[in-house]
Every structure is written in structure tokens, then in C-alpha cells.
Amino acid sequence: MNIHWLKTFIKAAETENFRQASEVLYITHPAVAKHIQRLEDELNIQLFERTGKSVK
């Protein structure tokens, strides 16, 4: 497990938006999505409920 994936998860959870998380973390939106996907794959669970542009 990568510490960057966890930091991305925390920021995405705080902002409830991958785009906003990417701006705060100074990474691209696709990088945020990839970090979350890899973390979900490693933990074998869905971490966010995705609805349009927001996540919960």
C-alpha cells in the first residue's frame, strides 16, 4: 500500500470531489482516480459512492 494513495483518499473524502482533491494535492484528476482505484483494489472494497461529479 502506498502512502500517497492514503493521502489522496483522505483529501478526496474531505472535499467529496476528485477534481478539488487533485487541485489541493497538485496532481492530475486522473491520478486521483487511479490512486483511489488502486487503494480499492488492494483493500478489495469500494471506498466511495460515485454520483456524477461528487463522491461520498
C-alpha atoms as a PDB file:
ATOM      1  CA  MET A   1       0.000   0.000   0.000  1.00  0.00           C
ATOM      2  CA  ASN A   2       1.284   3.415  -0.954  1.00  0.00           C
ATOM      3  CA  ILE A   3       1.145   6.361   1.485  1.00  0.00           C
ATOM      4  CA  HIS A   4       0.256   8.682  -1.423  1.00  0.00           C
ATOM      5  CA  TRP A   5      -2.893   6.642  -2.067  1.00  0.00           C
ATOM      6  CA  LEU A   6      -3.956   7.167   1.547  1.00  0.00           C
ATOM      7  CA  LYS A   7      -3.267  10.907   1.405  1.00  0.00           C
ATOM      8  CA  THR A   8      -5.297  11.111  -1.788  1.00  0.00           C
ATOM      9  CA  PHE A   9      -8.145   9.177  -0.173  1.00  0.00           C
ATOM     10  CA  ILE A  10      -8.206  11.497   2.843  1.00  0.00           C
ATOM     11  CA  LYS A  11      -8.267  14.649   0.690  1.00  0.00           C
ATOM     12  CA  ALA A  12     -10.931  13.216  -1.620  1.00  0.00           C
ATOM     13  CA  ALA A  13     -13.045  12.305   1.405  1.00  0.00           C
ATOM     14  CA  GLU A  14     -12.649  15.812   2.851  1.00  0.00           C
ATOM     15  CA  THR A  15     -13.553  17.579  -0.388  1.00  0.00           C
ATOM     16  CA  GLU A  16     -16.028  14.940  -1.662  1.00  0.00           C
ATOM     17  CA  ASN A  17     -14.686  15.737  -5.131  1.00  0.00           C
ATOM     18  CA  PHE A  18     -11.769  14.195  -7.041  1.00  0.00           C
ATOM     19  CA  ARG A  19     -11.109  17.377  -9.038  1.00  0.00           C
ATOM     20  CA  GLN A  20     -10.841  19.526  -5.916  1.00  0.00           C
ATOM     21  CA  ALA A  21      -8.632  16.916  -4.276  1.00  0.00           C
ATOM     22  CA  SER A  22      -6.353  16.983  -7.313  1.00  0.00           C
ATOM     23  CA  GLU A  23      -6.012  20.772  -7.072  1.00  0.00           C
ATOM     24  CA  VAL A  24      -5.140  20.655  -3.375  1.00  0.00           C
ATOM     25  CA  LEU A  25      -2.640  17.818  -3.857  1.00  0.00           C
ATOM     26  CA  TYR A  26      -1.123  19.327  -7.040  1.00  0.00           C
ATOM     27  CA  ILE A  27      -1.726  16.165  -9.055  1.00  0.00           C
ATOM     28  CA  THR A  28      -3.968  15.475 -12.029  1.00  0.00           C
ATOM     29  CA  HIS A  29      -7.591  14.385 -11.748  1.00  0.00           C
ATOM     30  CA  PRO A  30      -6.799  11.042 -13.457  1.00  0.00           C
ATOM     31  CA  ALA A  31      -4.021  10.483 -10.901  1.00  0.00           C
ATOM     32  CA  VAL A  32      -6.524  10.913  -8.062  1.00  0.00           C
ATOM     33  CA  ALA A  33      -8.901   8.434  -9.699  1.00  0.00           C
ATOM     34  CA  LYS A  34      -6.037   5.966 -10.205  1.00  0.00           C
ATOM     35  CA  HIS A  35      -4.858   6.286  -6.583  1.00  0.00           C
ATOM     36  CA  ILE A  36      -8.381   5.603  -5.325  1.00  0.00           C
ATOM     37  CA  GLN A  37      -8.828   2.687  -7.729  1.00  0.00           C
ATOM     38  CA  ARG A  38      -5.542   1.095  -6.661  1.00  0.00           C
ATOM     39  CA  LEU A  39      -6.424   1.527  -2.992  1.00  0.00           C
ATOM     40  CA  GLU A  40      -9.859  -0.020  -3.583  1.00  0.00           C
ATOM     41  CA  ASP A  41      -8.248  -2.922  -5.453  1.00  0.00           C
ATOM     42  CA  GLU A  42      -5.731  -3.511  -2.674  1.00  0.00           C
ATOM     43  CA  LEU A  43      -8.396  -3.398   0.062  1.00  0.00           C
ATOM     44  CA  ASN A  44     -10.968  -5.197  -2.093  1.00  0.00           C
ATOM     45  CA  ILE A  45     -13.736  -2.728  -1.151  1.00  0.00           C
ATOM     46  CA  GLN A  46     -15.446   0.268  -2.710  1.00  0.00           C
ATOM     47  CA  LEU A  47     -14.400   3.366  -0.760  1.00  0.00           C
ATOM     48  CA  PHE A  48     -16.654   5.949  -2.386  1.00  0.00           C
ATOM     49  CA  GLU A  49     -20.162   6.109  -3.732  1.00  0.00           C
ATOM     50  CA  ARG A  50     -19.737   7.965  -7.004  1.00  0.00           C
ATOM     51  CA  THR A  51     -22.603  10.212  -8.098  1.00  0.00           C
ATOM     52  CA  GLY A  52     -21.918  12.488 -11.027  1.00  0.00           C
ATOM     53  CA  LYS A  53     -19.090  14.854 -10.135  1.00  0.00           C
ATOM     54  CA  SER A  54     -19.179  14.206  -6.398  1.00  0.00           C
ATOM     55  CA  VAL A  55     -18.234  11.270  -4.203  1.00  0.00           C
ATOM     56  CA  LYS A  56     -19.444  10.264  -0.772  1.00  0.00           C
END
